């Protein structure tokens, strides 16, 4: 299950941003790490990320950090198609020639006997 963890940090300098990203990337299961500079948030997305352990590592460097939200991220593949959008027609030709099957023709084979000693003939 993919989770999105938003952490509030004091991101004053580029060095603070770099250190926060390094700590987050080292955690097992992390897929991506983003920084929202306007809000001062660190956004971590991953599968099976232990947020308690992640916060423990971040709080060693940033004492006043806190978790803003933890939410499940749904994959894009499971989104439902729009019901208003009509399906496009198939680009195949509209007239299809029927398949023709060929059957082998079996003809009996007659052997002629030139043996005059045959009593049946």
PDB file of N, CA and C in Angstrom:
ATOM      1  N   UNK A   1       0.850  -1.165   0.000  1.00  0.00           N
ATOM      2  CA  UNK A   1       0.000   0.000   0.000  1.00  0.00           C
ATOM      3  C   UNK A   1       0.901   1.235   0.000  1.00  0.00           C
ATOM      4  N   UNK A   2       0.646   2.136  -0.905  1.00  0.00           N
ATOM      5  CA  UNK A   2       1.431   3.346  -1.073  1.00  0.00           C
ATOM      6  C   UNK A   2       0.904   4.431  -0.148  1.00  0.00           C
ATOM      7  N   UNK A   3       1.825   5.088   0.588  1.00  0.00           N
ATOM      8  CA  UNK A   3       1.419   6.134   1.525  1.00  0.00           C
ATOM      9  C   UNK A   3       2.118   7.445   1.192  1.00  0.00           C
ATOM     10  N   UNK A   4       1.423   8.524   1.511  1.00  0.00           N
ATOM     11  CA  UNK A   4       1.963   9.871   1.362  1.00  0.00           C
ATOM     12  C   UNK A   4       2.024  10.479   2.758  1.00  0.00           C
ATOM     13  N   UNK A   5       3.240  10.816   3.198  1.00  0.00           N
ATOM     14  CA  UNK A   5       3.457  11.379   4.527  1.00  0.00           C
ATOM     15  C   UNK A   5       3.929  12.816   4.363  1.00  0.00           C
ATOM     16  N   UNK A   6       3.210  13.753   4.979  1.00  0.00           N
ATOM     17  CA  UNK A   6       3.562  15.180   4.918  1.00  0.00           C
ATOM     18  C   UNK A   6       4.075  15.583   6.293  1.00  0.00           C
ATOM     19  N   UNK A   7       5.324  16.121   6.320  1.00  0.00           N
ATOM     20  CA  UNK A   7       5.980  16.485   7.570  1.00  0.00           C
ATOM     21  C   UNK A   7       6.288  17.971   7.547  1.00  0.00           C
ATOM     22  N   UNK A   8       5.945  18.670   8.627  1.00  0.00           N
ATOM     23  CA  UNK A   8       6.218  20.099   8.766  1.00  0.00           C
ATOM     24  C   UNK A   8       7.616  20.263   9.357  1.00  0.00           C
ATOM     25  N   UNK A   9       8.486  21.011   8.636  1.00  0.00           N
ATOM     26  CA  UNK A   9       9.878  21.221   9.058  1.00  0.00           C
ATOM     27  C   UNK A   9      10.251  22.686   8.947  1.00  0.00           C
ATOM     28  N   UNK A  10      11.221  23.136   9.761  1.00  0.00           N
ATOM     29  CA  UNK A  10      11.757  24.487   9.562  1.00  0.00           C
ATOM     30  C   UNK A  10      12.840  24.446   8.477  1.00  0.00           C
ATOM     31  N   UNK A  11      12.440  24.711   7.236  1.00  0.00           N
ATOM     32  CA  UNK A  11      13.363  24.655   6.102  1.00  0.00           C
ATOM     33  C   UNK A  11      13.826  26.067   5.762  1.00  0.00           C
ATOM     34  N   UNK A  12      14.805  26.552   6.510  1.00  0.00           N
ATOM     35  CA  UNK A  12      15.276  27.926   6.348  1.00  0.00           C
ATOM     36  C   UNK A  12      16.364  28.046   5.290  1.00  0.00           C
ATOM     37  N   UNK A  13      17.270  27.101   5.228  1.00  0.00           N
ATOM     38  CA  UNK A  13      18.406  27.190   4.310  1.00  0.00           C
ATOM     39  C   UNK A  13      18.428  25.981   3.384  1.00  0.00           C
ATOM     40  N   UNK A  14      19.284  26.081   2.365  1.00  0.00           N
ATOM     41  CA  UNK A  14      19.445  24.962   1.441  1.00  0.00           C
ATOM     42  C   UNK A  14      20.097  23.764   2.133  1.00  0.00           C
ATOM     43  N   UNK A  15      20.925  24.043   3.126  1.00  0.00           N
ATOM     44  CA  UNK A  15      21.562  22.966   3.872  1.00  0.00           C
ATOM     45  C   UNK A  15      20.519  22.171   4.670  1.00  0.00           C
ATOM     46  N   UNK A  16      19.537  22.850   5.234  1.00  0.00           N
ATOM     47  CA  UNK A  16      18.457  22.179   5.965  1.00  0.00           C
ATOM     48  C   UNK A  16      17.616  21.322   5.020  1.00  0.00           C
ATOM     49  N   UNK A  17      17.339  21.849   3.844  1.00  0.00           N
ATOM     50  CA  UNK A  17      16.563  21.116   2.851  1.00  0.00           C
ATOM     51  C   UNK A  17      17.310  19.856   2.420  1.00  0.00           C
ATOM     52  N   UNK A  18      18.607  20.007   2.157  1.00  0.00           N
ATOM     53  CA  UNK A  18      19.432  18.887   1.727  1.00  0.00           C
ATOM     54  C   UNK A  18      19.496  17.803   2.802  1.00  0.00           C
ATOM     55  N   UNK A  19      19.682  18.202   4.047  1.00  0.00           N
ATOM     56  CA  UNK A  19      19.777  17.249   5.141  1.00  0.00           C
ATOM     57  C   UNK A  19      18.452  16.510   5.350  1.00  0.00           C
ATOM     58  N   UNK A  20      17.334  17.210   5.256  1.00  0.00           N
ATOM     59  CA  UNK A  20      16.020  16.583   5.417  1.00  0.00           C
ATOM     60  C   UNK A  20      15.767  15.565   4.312  1.00  0.00           C
ATOM     61  N   UNK A  21      16.146  15.880   3.085  1.00  0.00           N
ATOM     62  CA  UNK A  21      15.950  14.966   1.972  1.00  0.00           C
ATOM     63  C   UNK A  21      16.849  13.733   2.116  1.00  0.00           C
ATOM     64  N   UNK A  22      18.087  13.928   2.584  1.00  0.00           N
ATOM     65  CA  UNK A  22      18.998  12.800   2.780  1.00  0.00           C
ATOM     66  C   UNK A  22      18.462  11.834   3.833  1.00  0.00           C
ATOM     67  N   UNK A  23      17.930  12.377   4.919  1.00  0.00           N
ATOM     68  CA  UNK A  23      17.375  11.530   5.972  1.00  0.00           C
ATOM     69  C   UNK A  23      16.175  10.739   5.448  1.00  0.00           C
ATOM     70  N   UNK A  24      15.304  11.399   4.689  1.00  0.00           N
ATOM     71  CA  UNK A  24      14.100  10.739   4.182  1.00  0.00           C
ATOM     72  C   UNK A  24      14.433   9.662   3.145  1.00  0.00           C
ATOM     73  N   UNK A  25      15.412   9.921   2.301  1.00  0.00           N
ATOM     74  CA  UNK A  25      15.765   8.975   1.241  1.00  0.00           C
ATOM     75  C   UNK A  25      16.374   7.699   1.827  1.00  0.00           C
ATOM     76  N   UNK A  26      17.063   7.798   2.951  1.00  0.00           N
ATOM     77  CA  UNK A  26      17.684   6.630   3.569  1.00  0.00           C
ATOM     78  C   UNK A  26      16.682   5.663   4.181  1.00  0.00           C
ATOM     79  N   UNK A  27      15.469   6.086   4.413  1.00  0.00           N
ATOM     80  CA  UNK A  27      14.466   5.211   5.025  1.00  0.00           C
ATOM     81  C   UNK A  27      14.059   4.120   4.032  1.00  0.00           C
ATOM     82  N   UNK A  28      13.870   2.889   4.522  1.00  0.00           N
ATOM     83  CA  UNK A  28      13.480   1.807   3.608  1.00  0.00           C
ATOM     84  C   UNK A  28      12.040   1.978   3.114  1.00  0.00           C
ATOM     85  N   UNK A  29      11.845   1.721   1.819  1.00  0.00           N
ATOM     86  CA  UNK A  29      10.518   1.786   1.221  1.00  0.00           C
ATOM     87  C   UNK A  29      10.162   3.118   0.598  1.00  0.00           C
ATOM     88  N   UNK A  30      11.031   4.130   0.710  1.00  0.00           N
ATOM     89  CA  UNK A  30      10.727   5.457   0.166  1.00  0.00           C
ATOM     90  C   UNK A  30      10.908   5.440  -1.343  1.00  0.00           C
ATOM     91  N   UNK A  31       9.885   5.940  -2.056  1.00  0.00           N
ATOM     92  CA  UNK A  31       9.931   6.029  -3.520  1.00  0.00           C
ATOM     93  C   UNK A  31      10.340   7.421  -3.967  1.00  0.00           C
ATOM     94  N   UNK A  32       9.712   8.457  -3.386  1.00  0.00           N
ATOM     95  CA  UNK A  32      10.043   9.826  -3.784  1.00  0.00           C
ATOM     96  C   UNK A  32       9.951  10.768  -2.590  1.00  0.00           C
ATOM     97  N   UNK A  33      10.751  11.845  -2.669  1.00  0.00           N
ATOM     98  CA  UNK A  33      10.777  12.872  -1.632  1.00  0.00           C
ATOM     99  C   UNK A  33      10.688  14.222  -2.326  1.00  0.00           C
ATOM    100  N   UNK A  34       9.763  15.075  -1.873  1.00  0.00           N
ATOM    101  CA  UNK A  34       9.586  16.415  -2.434  1.00  0.00           C
ATOM    102  C   UNK A  34       9.573  17.434  -1.305  1.00  0.00           C
ATOM    103  N   UNK A  35       9.926  18.667  -1.652  1.00  0.00           N
ATOM    104  CA  UNK A  35       9.906  19.776  -0.695  1.00  0.00           C
ATOM    105  C   UNK A  35       8.915  20.820  -1.184  1.00  0.00           C
ATOM    106  N   UNK A  36       8.035  21.256  -0.296  1.00  0.00           N
ATOM    107  CA  UNK A  36       7.137  22.375  -0.573  1.00  0.00           C
ATOM    108  C   UNK A  36       7.677  23.563   0.226  1.00  0.00           C
ATOM    109  N   UNK A  37       8.420  24.438  -0.432  1.00  0.00           N
ATOM    110  CA  UNK A  37       9.096  25.546   0.265  1.00  0.00           C
ATOM    111  C   UNK A  37       8.115  26.571   0.814  1.00  0.00           C
ATOM    112  N   UNK A  38       7.004  26.789   0.114  1.00  0.00           N
ATOM    113  CA  UNK A  38       6.042  27.799   0.568  1.00  0.00           C
ATOM    114  C   UNK A  38       5.424  27.413   1.913  1.00  0.00           C
ATOM    115  N   UNK A  39       5.079  26.158   2.053  1.00  0.00           N
ATOM    116  CA  UNK A  39       4.447  25.705   3.289  1.00  0.00           C
ATOM    117  C   UNK A  39       5.462  25.171   4.298  1.00  0.00           C
ATOM    118  N   UNK A  40       6.669  24.871   3.832  1.00  0.00           N
ATOM    119  CA  UNK A  40       7.681  24.309   4.715  1.00  0.00           C
ATOM    120  C   UNK A  40       7.420  22.843   5.026  1.00  0.00           C
ATOM    121  N   UNK A  41       6.965  22.095   4.003  1.00  0.00           N
ATOM    122  CA  UNK A  41       6.621  20.693   4.197  1.00  0.00           C
ATOM    123  C   UNK A  41       7.571  19.790   3.427  1.00  0.00           C
ATOM    124  N   UNK A  42       7.836  18.645   4.004  1.00  0.00           N
ATOM    125  CA  UNK A  42       8.569  17.570   3.352  1.00  0.00           C
ATOM    126  C   UNK A  42       7.537  16.500   3.022  1.00  0.00           C
ATOM    127  N   UNK A  43       7.420  16.138   1.748  1.00  0.00           N
ATOM    128  CA  UNK A  43       6.428  15.158   1.302  1.00  0.00           C
ATOM    129  C   UNK A  43       7.169  13.880   0.917  1.00  0.00           C
ATOM    130  N   UNK A  44       6.869  12.791   1.618  1.00  0.00           N
ATOM    131  CA  UNK A  44       7.514  11.499   1.395  1.00  0.00           C
ATOM    132  C   UNK A  44       6.456  10.525   0.886  1.00  0.00           C
ATOM    133  N   UNK A  45       6.744   9.868  -0.241  1.00  0.00           N
ATOM    134  CA  UNK A  45       5.848   8.867  -0.807  1.00  0.00           C
ATOM    135  C   UNK A  45       6.601   7.553  -0.866  1.00  0.00           C
ATOM    136  N   UNK A  46       5.972   6.485  -0.359  1.00  0.00           N
ATOM    137  CA  UNK A  46       6.629   5.189  -0.368  1.00  0.00           C
ATOM    138  C   UNK A  46       5.690   4.057  -0.037  1.00  0.00           C
ATOM    139  N   UNK A  47       6.219   2.856  -0.168  1.00  0.00           N
ATOM    140  CA  UNK A  47       5.455   1.647   0.123  1.00  0.00           C
ATOM    141  C   UNK A  47       6.038   1.019   1.379  1.00  0.00           C
ATOM    142  N   UNK A  48       5.220   0.862   2.395  1.00  0.00           N
ATOM    143  CA  UNK A  48       5.652   0.236   3.637  1.00  0.00           C
ATOM    144  C   UNK A  48       6.629   1.075   4.437  1.00  0.00           C
ATOM    145  N   UNK A  49       6.517   2.390   4.357  1.00  0.00           N
ATOM    146  CA  UNK A  49       7.407   3.284   5.094  1.00  0.00           C
ATOM    147  C   UNK A  49       6.960   3.322   6.555  1.00  0.00           C
ATOM    148  N   UNK A  50       7.912   3.107   7.473  1.00  0.00           N
ATOM    149  CA  UNK A  50       7.622   3.189   8.897  1.00  0.00           C
ATOM    150  C   UNK A  50       7.741   4.662   9.293  1.00  0.00           C
ATOM    151  N   UNK A  51       6.591   5.343   9.419  1.00  0.00           N
ATOM    152  CA  UNK A  51       6.608   6.780   9.692  1.00  0.00           C
ATOM    153  C   UNK A  51       7.141   7.081  11.089  1.00  0.00           C
ATOM    154  N   UNK A  52       6.980   6.162  12.034  1.00  0.00           N
ATOM    155  CA  UNK A  52       7.497   6.387  13.391  1.00  0.00           C
ATOM    156  C   UNK A  52       9.027   6.424  13.373  1.00  0.00           C
ATOM    157  N   UNK A  53       9.630   5.494  12.657  1.00  0.00           N
ATOM    158  CA  UNK A  53      11.095   5.462  12.544  1.00  0.00           C
ATOM    159  C   UNK A  53      11.610   6.660  11.745  1.00  0.00           C
ATOM    160  N   UNK A  54      10.881   7.026  10.700  1.00  0.00           N
ATOM    161  CA  UNK A  54      11.259   8.187   9.895  1.00  0.00           C
ATOM    162  C   UNK A  54      11.234   9.461  10.734  1.00  0.00           C
ATOM    163  N   UNK A  55      10.195   9.636  11.531  1.00  0.00           N
ATOM    164  CA  UNK A  55      10.102  10.825  12.388  1.00  0.00           C
ATOM    165  C   UNK A  55      11.182  10.824  13.463  1.00  0.00           C
ATOM    166  N   UNK A  56      11.530   9.655  13.954  1.00  0.00           N
ATOM    167  CA  UNK A  56      12.597   9.571  14.960  1.00  0.00           C
ATOM    168  C   UNK A  56      13.921  10.068  14.374  1.00  0.00           C
ATOM    169  N   UNK A  57      14.219   9.663  13.136  1.00  0.00           N
ATOM    170  CA  UNK A  57      15.466  10.097  12.481  1.00  0.00           C
ATOM    171  C   UNK A  57      15.434  11.588  12.155  1.00  0.00           C
ATOM    172  N   UNK A  58      14.275  12.087  11.732  1.00  0.00           N
ATOM    173  CA  UNK A  58      14.177  13.509  11.383  1.00  0.00           C
ATOM    174  C   UNK A  58      14.252  14.380  12.636  1.00  0.00           C
ATOM    175  N   UNK A  59      13.669  13.926  13.729  1.00  0.00           N
ATOM    176  CA  UNK A  59      13.679  14.736  14.964  1.00  0.00           C
ATOM    177  C   UNK A  59      15.057  14.831  15.601  1.00  0.00           C
ATOM    178  N   UNK A  60      15.964  13.964  15.251  1.00  0.00           N
ATOM    179  CA  UNK A  60      17.340  14.109  15.739  1.00  0.00           C
ATOM    180  C   UNK A  60      17.955  15.403  15.216  1.00  0.00           C
ATOM    181  N   UNK A  61      17.660  15.722  13.948  1.00  0.00           N
ATOM    182  CA  UNK A  61      18.210  16.930  13.333  1.00  0.00           C
ATOM    183  C   UNK A  61      17.281  18.133  13.521  1.00  0.00           C
ATOM    184  N   UNK A  62      15.974  17.925  13.310  1.00  0.00           N
ATOM    185  CA  UNK A  62      14.989  19.003  13.394  1.00  0.00           C
ATOM    186  C   UNK A  62      14.087  18.734  14.602  1.00  0.00           C
ATOM    187  N   UNK A  63      14.331  19.405  15.706  1.00  0.00           N
ATOM    188  CA  UNK A  63      13.619  19.146  16.969  1.00  0.00           C
ATOM    189  C   UNK A  63      12.135  19.506  16.898  1.00  0.00           C
ATOM    190  N   UNK A  64      11.795  20.527  16.128  1.00  0.00           N
ATOM    191  CA  UNK A  64      10.402  20.986  16.117  1.00  0.00           C
ATOM    192  C   UNK A  64       9.638  20.498  14.883  1.00  0.00           C
ATOM    193  N   UNK A  65       9.936  19.301  14.410  1.00  0.00           N
ATOM    194  CA  UNK A  65       9.199  18.749  13.270  1.00  0.00           C
ATOM    195  C   UNK A  65       7.967  18.003  13.758  1.00  0.00           C
ATOM    196  N   UNK A  66       6.954  17.938  12.889  1.00  0.00           N
ATOM    197  CA  UNK A  66       5.732  17.225  13.236  1.00  0.00           C
ATOM    198  C   UNK A  66       5.077  16.704  11.965  1.00  0.00           C
ATOM    199  N   UNK A  67       4.263  15.675  12.128  1.00  0.00           N
ATOM    200  CA  UNK A  67       3.545  15.080  10.999  1.00  0.00           C
ATOM    201  C   UNK A  67       2.262  15.864  10.763  1.00  0.00           C
ATOM    202  N   UNK A  68       2.065  16.309   9.526  1.00  0.00           N
ATOM    203  CA  UNK A  68       0.851  17.033   9.155  1.00  0.00           C
ATOM    204  C   UNK A  68      -0.234  16.041   8.746  1.00  0.00           C
ATOM    205  N   UNK A  69       0.108  15.100   7.872  1.00  0.00           N
ATOM    206  CA  UNK A  69      -0.891  14.123   7.435  1.00  0.00           C
ATOM    207  C   UNK A  69      -0.228  12.855   6.919  1.00  0.00           C
ATOM    208  N   UNK A  70      -0.967  11.765   7.027  1.00  0.00           N
ATOM    209  CA  UNK A  70      -0.586  10.479   6.439  1.00  0.00           C
ATOM    210  C   UNK A  70      -1.814   9.992   5.689  1.00  0.00           C
ATOM    211  N   UNK A  71      -1.657   9.768   4.394  1.00  0.00           N
ATOM    212  CA  UNK A  71      -2.801   9.321   3.598  1.00  0.00           C
ATOM    213  C   UNK A  71      -2.366   8.277   2.592  1.00  0.00           C
ATOM    214  N   UNK A  72      -3.314   7.449   2.199  1.00  0.00           N
ATOM    215  CA  UNK A  72      -3.056   6.401   1.231  1.00  0.00           C
ATOM    216  C   UNK A  72      -3.178   6.973  -0.174  1.00  0.00           C
ATOM    217  N   UNK A  73      -2.221   6.628  -1.022  1.00  0.00           N
ATOM    218  CA  UNK A  73      -2.223   7.091  -2.406  1.00  0.00           C
ATOM    219  C   UNK A  73      -2.757   5.958  -3.267  1.00  0.00           C
ATOM    220  N   UNK A  74      -3.815   6.246  -4.023  1.00  0.00           N
ATOM    221  CA  UNK A  74      -4.384   5.241  -4.916  1.00  0.00           C
ATOM    222  C   UNK A  74      -3.631   5.272  -6.235  1.00  0.00           C
ATOM    223  N   UNK A  75      -3.359   4.096  -6.814  1.00  0.00           N
ATOM    224  CA  UNK A  75      -2.661   4.071  -8.096  1.00  0.00           C
ATOM    225  C   UNK A  75      -3.517   4.669  -9.201  1.00  0.00           C
ATOM    226  N   UNK A  76      -2.853   5.198 -10.202  1.00  0.00           N
ATOM    227  CA  UNK A  76      -3.557   5.850 -11.306  1.00  0.00           C
ATOM    228  C   UNK A  76      -4.303   4.857 -12.174  1.00  0.00           C
ATOM    229  N   UNK A  77      -3.887   3.572 -12.147  1.00  0.00           N
ATOM    230  CA  UNK A  77      -4.522   2.564 -12.999  1.00  0.00           C
ATOM    231  C   UNK A  77      -5.953   2.274 -12.570  1.00  0.00           C
ATOM    232  N   UNK A  78      -6.283   2.496 -11.306  1.00  0.00           N
ATOM    233  CA  UNK A  78      -7.604   2.150 -10.812  1.00  0.00           C
ATOM    234  C   UNK A  78      -8.630   3.263 -11.009  1.00  0.00           C
ATOM    235  N   UNK A  79      -8.253   4.350 -11.644  1.00  0.00           N
ATOM    236  CA  UNK A  79      -9.213   5.421 -11.887  1.00  0.00           C
ATOM    237  C   UNK A  79     -10.252   4.959 -12.900  1.00  0.00           C
ATOM    238  N   UNK A  80     -11.491   5.323 -12.656  1.00  0.00           N
ATOM    239  CA  UNK A  80     -12.574   4.921 -13.537  1.00  0.00           C
ATOM    240  C   UNK A  80     -12.602   5.833 -14.766  1.00  0.00           C
ATOM    241  N   UNK A  81     -12.912   5.277 -15.935  1.00  0.00           N
ATOM    242  CA  UNK A  81     -13.020   6.113 -17.125  1.00  0.00           C
ATOM    243  C   UNK A  81     -14.256   7.003 -17.042  1.00  0.00           C
ATOM    244  N   UNK A  82     -14.199   8.126 -17.729  1.00  0.00           N
ATOM    245  CA  UNK A  82     -15.326   9.054 -17.739  1.00  0.00           C
ATOM    246  C   UNK A  82     -16.513   8.419 -18.469  1.00  0.00           C
ATOM    247  N   UNK A  83     -17.711   8.418 -17.841  1.00  0.00           N
ATOM    248  CA  UNK A  83     -18.865   7.832 -18.528  1.00  0.00           C
ATOM    249  C   UNK A  83     -19.378   8.721 -19.658  1.00  0.00           C
ATOM    250  N   UNK A  84     -19.069  10.015 -19.633  1.00  0.00           N
ATOM    251  CA  UNK A  84     -19.542  10.921 -20.674  1.00  0.00           C
ATOM    252  C   UNK A  84     -18.754  10.759 -21.969  1.00  0.00           C
ATOM    253  N   UNK A  85     -17.547  10.298 -21.870  1.00  0.00           N
ATOM    254  CA  UNK A  85     -16.695  10.182 -23.045  1.00  0.00           C
ATOM    255  C   UNK A  85     -17.084   8.924 -23.830  1.00  0.00           C
ATOM    256  N   UNK A  86     -17.513   9.069 -25.088  1.00  0.00           N
ATOM    257  CA  UNK A  86     -17.890   7.889 -25.870  1.00  0.00           C
ATOM    258  C   UNK A  86     -16.648   7.123 -26.310  1.00  0.00           C
ATOM    259  N   UNK A  87     -16.841   5.844 -26.510  1.00  0.00           N
ATOM    260  CA  UNK A  87     -15.729   5.014 -26.962  1.00  0.00           C
ATOM    261  C   UNK A  87     -15.467   5.284 -28.436  1.00  0.00           C
ATOM    262  N   UNK A  88     -14.194   5.256 -28.787  1.00  0.00           N
ATOM    263  CA  UNK A  88     -13.824   5.480 -30.177  1.00  0.00           C
ATOM    264  C   UNK A  88     -14.097   4.205 -30.970  1.00  0.00           C
ATOM    265  N   UNK A  89     -14.546   4.350 -32.231  1.00  0.00           N
ATOM    266  CA  UNK A  89     -14.804   3.156 -33.031  1.00  0.00           C
ATOM    267  C   UNK A  89     -13.499   2.441 -33.371  1.00  0.00           C
ATOM    268  N   UNK A  90     -13.635   1.183 -33.664  1.00  0.00           N
ATOM    269  CA  UNK A  90     -12.479   0.359 -33.990  1.00  0.00           C
ATOM    270  C   UNK A  90     -11.917   0.788 -35.346  1.00  0.00           C
ATOM    271  N   UNK A  91     -10.609   0.916 -35.476  1.00  0.00           N
ATOM    272  CA  UNK A  91     -10.033   1.317 -36.758  1.00  0.00           C
ATOM    273  C   UNK A  91     -10.012   0.185 -37.790  1.00  0.00           C
ATOM    274  N   UNK A  92     -10.577  -0.964 -37.449  1.00  0.00           N
ATOM    275  CA  UNK A  92     -10.607  -2.091 -38.380  1.00  0.00           C
ATOM    276  C   UNK A  92     -11.562  -1.795 -39.527  1.00  0.00           C
ATOM    277  N   UNK A  93     -11.366  -2.427 -40.681  1.00  0.00           N
ATOM    278  CA  UNK A  93     -12.308  -2.210 -41.785  1.00  0.00           C
ATOM    279  C   UNK A  93     -13.671  -2.785 -41.425  1.00  0.00           C
ATOM    280  N   UNK A  94     -14.707  -2.155 -41.924  1.00  0.00           N
ATOM    281  CA  UNK A  94     -16.053  -2.560 -41.563  1.00  0.00           C
ATOM    282  C   UNK A  94     -16.483  -3.839 -42.280  1.00  0.00           C
ATOM    283  N   UNK A  95     -15.923  -4.140 -43.433  1.00  0.00           N
ATOM    284  CA  UNK A  95     -16.284  -5.340 -44.182  1.00  0.00           C
ATOM    285  C   UNK A  95     -15.145  -6.337 -44.038  1.00  0.00           C
ATOM    286  N   UNK A  96     -15.493  -7.498 -43.580  1.00  0.00           N
ATOM    287  CA  UNK A  96     -14.483  -8.527 -43.362  1.00  0.00           C
ATOM    288  C   UNK A  96     -14.827  -9.722 -44.241  1.00  0.00           C
ATOM    289  N   UNK A  97     -13.886 -10.169 -45.015  1.00  0.00           N
ATOM    290  CA  UNK A  97     -14.113 -11.342 -45.855  1.00  0.00           C
ATOM    291  C   UNK A  97     -14.168 -12.574 -44.963  1.00  0.00           C
ATOM    292  N   UNK A  98     -15.133 -13.458 -45.211  1.00  0.00           N
ATOM    293  CA  UNK A  98     -15.209 -14.653 -44.375  1.00  0.00           C
ATOM    294  C   UNK A  98     -14.015 -15.558 -44.640  1.00  0.00           C
ATOM    295  N   UNK A  99     -13.671 -16.253 -43.635  1.00  0.00           N
ATOM    296  CA  UNK A  99     -12.556 -17.184 -43.765  1.00  0.00           C
ATOM    297  C   UNK A  99     -12.988 -18.371 -44.611  1.00  0.00           C
ATOM    298  N   UNK A 100     -12.135 -18.796 -45.489  1.00  0.00           N
ATOM    299  CA  UNK A 100     -12.437 -19.915 -46.373  1.00  0.00           C
ATOM    300  C   UNK A 100     -11.600 -21.098 -45.917  1.00  0.00           C
ATOM    301  N   UNK A 101     -12.272 -22.230 -45.708  1.00  0.00           N
ATOM    302  CA  UNK A 101     -11.558 -23.430 -45.313  1.00  0.00           C
ATOM    303  C   UNK A 101     -11.511 -24.373 -46.510  1.00  0.00           C
ATOM    304  N   UNK A 102     -10.380 -24.922 -46.722  1.00  0.00           N
ATOM    305  CA  UNK A 102     -10.206 -25.857 -47.818  1.00  0.00           C
ATOM    306  C   UNK A 102     -10.118 -27.262 -47.242  1.00  0.00           C
ATOM    307  N   UNK A 103     -10.952 -28.156 -47.801  1.00  0.00           N
ATOM    308  CA  UNK A 103     -10.956 -29.536 -47.361  1.00  0.00           C
ATOM    309  C   UNK A 103     -10.261 -30.371 -48.424  1.00  0.00           C
ATOM    310  N   UNK A 104      -9.444 -31.304 -47.993  1.00  0.00           N
ATOM    311  CA  UNK A 104      -8.782 -32.148 -49.007  1.00  0.00           C
ATOM    312  C   UNK A 104      -9.794 -33.096 -49.661  1.00  0.00           C
ATOM    313  N   UNK A 105      -9.607 -33.332 -50.911  1.00  0.00           N
ATOM    314  CA  UNK A 105     -10.506 -34.215 -51.661  1.00  0.00           C
ATOM    315  C   UNK A 105      -9.855 -35.593 -51.721  1.00  0.00           C
ATOM    316  N   UNK A 106     -10.586 -36.563 -51.220  1.00  0.00           N
ATOM    317  CA  UNK A 106     -10.070 -37.934 -51.228  1.00  0.00           C
ATOM    318  C   UNK A 106     -10.731 -38.704 -52.358  1.00  0.00           C
ATOM    319  N   UNK A 107      -9.940 -39.320 -53.181  1.00  0.00           N
ATOM    320  CA  UNK A 107     -10.458 -40.146 -54.258  1.00  0.00           C
ATOM    321  C   UNK A 107      -9.959 -41.576 -54.042  1.00  0.00           C
ATOM    322  N   UNK A 108     -10.829 -42.526 -54.304  1.00  0.00           N
ATOM    323  CA  UNK A 108     -10.387 -43.924 -54.128  1.00  0.00           C
ATOM    324  C   UNK A 108      -9.321 -44.290 -55.157  1.00  0.00           C
ATOM    325  N   UNK A 109      -8.454 -45.114 -54.707  1.00  0.00           N
ATOM    326  CA  UNK A 109      -7.370 -45.569 -55.579  1.00  0.00           C
ATOM    327  C   UNK A 109      -7.681 -47.000 -56.004  1.00  0.00           C
ATOM    328  N   UNK A 110      -7.699 -47.232 -57.314  1.00  0.00           N
ATOM    329  CA  UNK A 110      -7.960 -48.559 -57.851  1.00  0.00           C
ATOM    330  C   UNK A 110      -6.669 -49.111 -58.410  1.00  0.00           C
ATOM    331  N   UNK A 111      -6.376 -50.298 -57.982  1.00  0.00           N
ATOM    332  CA  UNK A 111      -5.186 -50.952 -58.524  1.00  0.00           C
ATOM    333  C   UNK A 111      -5.638 -52.013 -59.535  1.00  0.00           C
ATOM    334  N   UNK A 112      -4.951 -52.062 -60.567  1.00  0.00           N
ATOM    335  CA  UNK A 112      -5.275 -53.077 -61.575  1.00  0.00           C
ATOM    336  C   UNK A 112      -4.314 -54.248 -61.410  1.00  0.00           C
ATOM    337  N   UNK A 113      -4.903 -55.412 -61.437  1.00  0.00           N
ATOM    338  CA  UNK A 113      -4.090 -56.618 -61.310  1.00  0.00           C
ATOM    339  C   UNK A 113      -3.941 -57.242 -62.699  1.00  0.00           C
ATOM    340  N   UNK A 114      -2.772 -57.504 -63.026  1.00  0.00           N
ATOM    341  CA  UNK A 114      -2.515 -58.138 -64.319  1.00  0.00           C
ATOM    342  C   UNK A 114      -2.271 -59.639 -64.143  1.00  0.00           C
ATOM    343  N   UNK A 115      -2.603 -60.126 -63.016  1.00  0.00           N
ATOM    344  CA  UNK A 115      -2.391 -61.532 -62.740  1.00  0.00           C
ATOM    345  C   UNK A 115      -3.596 -62.338 -63.249  1.00  0.00           C
ATOM    346  N   UNK A 116      -3.462 -63.185 -64.229  1.00  0.00           N
ATOM    347  CA  UNK A 116      -4.600 -63.913 -64.775  1.00  0.00           C
ATOM    348  C   UNK A 116      -5.030 -65.095 -63.916  1.00  0.00           C
ATOM    349  N   UNK A 117      -4.282 -65.369 -62.853  1.00  0.00           N
ATOM    350  CA  UNK A 117      -4.619 -66.535 -62.062  1.00  0.00           C
ATOM    351  C   UNK A 117      -5.620 -66.216 -60.970  1.00  0.00           C
ATOM    352  N   UNK A 118      -6.063 -65.035 -60.919  1.00  0.00           N
ATOM    353  CA  UNK A 118      -6.997 -64.643 -59.878  1.00  0.00           C
ATOM    354  C   UNK A 118      -8.348 -65.244 -60.215  1.00  0.00           C
ATOM    355  N   UNK A 119      -8.965 -65.874 -59.233  1.00  0.00           N
ATOM    356  CA  UNK A 119     -10.206 -66.563 -59.489  1.00  0.00           C
ATOM    357  C   UNK A 119     -11.435 -65.664 -59.298  1.00  0.00           C
ATOM    358  N   UNK A 120     -11.278 -64.548 -58.640  1.00  0.00           N
ATOM    359  CA  UNK A 120     -12.404 -63.682 -58.377  1.00  0.00           C
ATOM    360  C   UNK A 120     -12.787 -62.908 -59.640  1.00  0.00           C
ATOM    361  N   UNK A 121     -11.887 -62.566 -60.438  1.00  0.00           N
ATOM    362  CA  UNK A 121     -12.209 -61.739 -61.597  1.00  0.00           C
ATOM    363  C   UNK A 121     -12.408 -62.598 -62.753  1.00  0.00           C
TER     364      UNK A 121
END
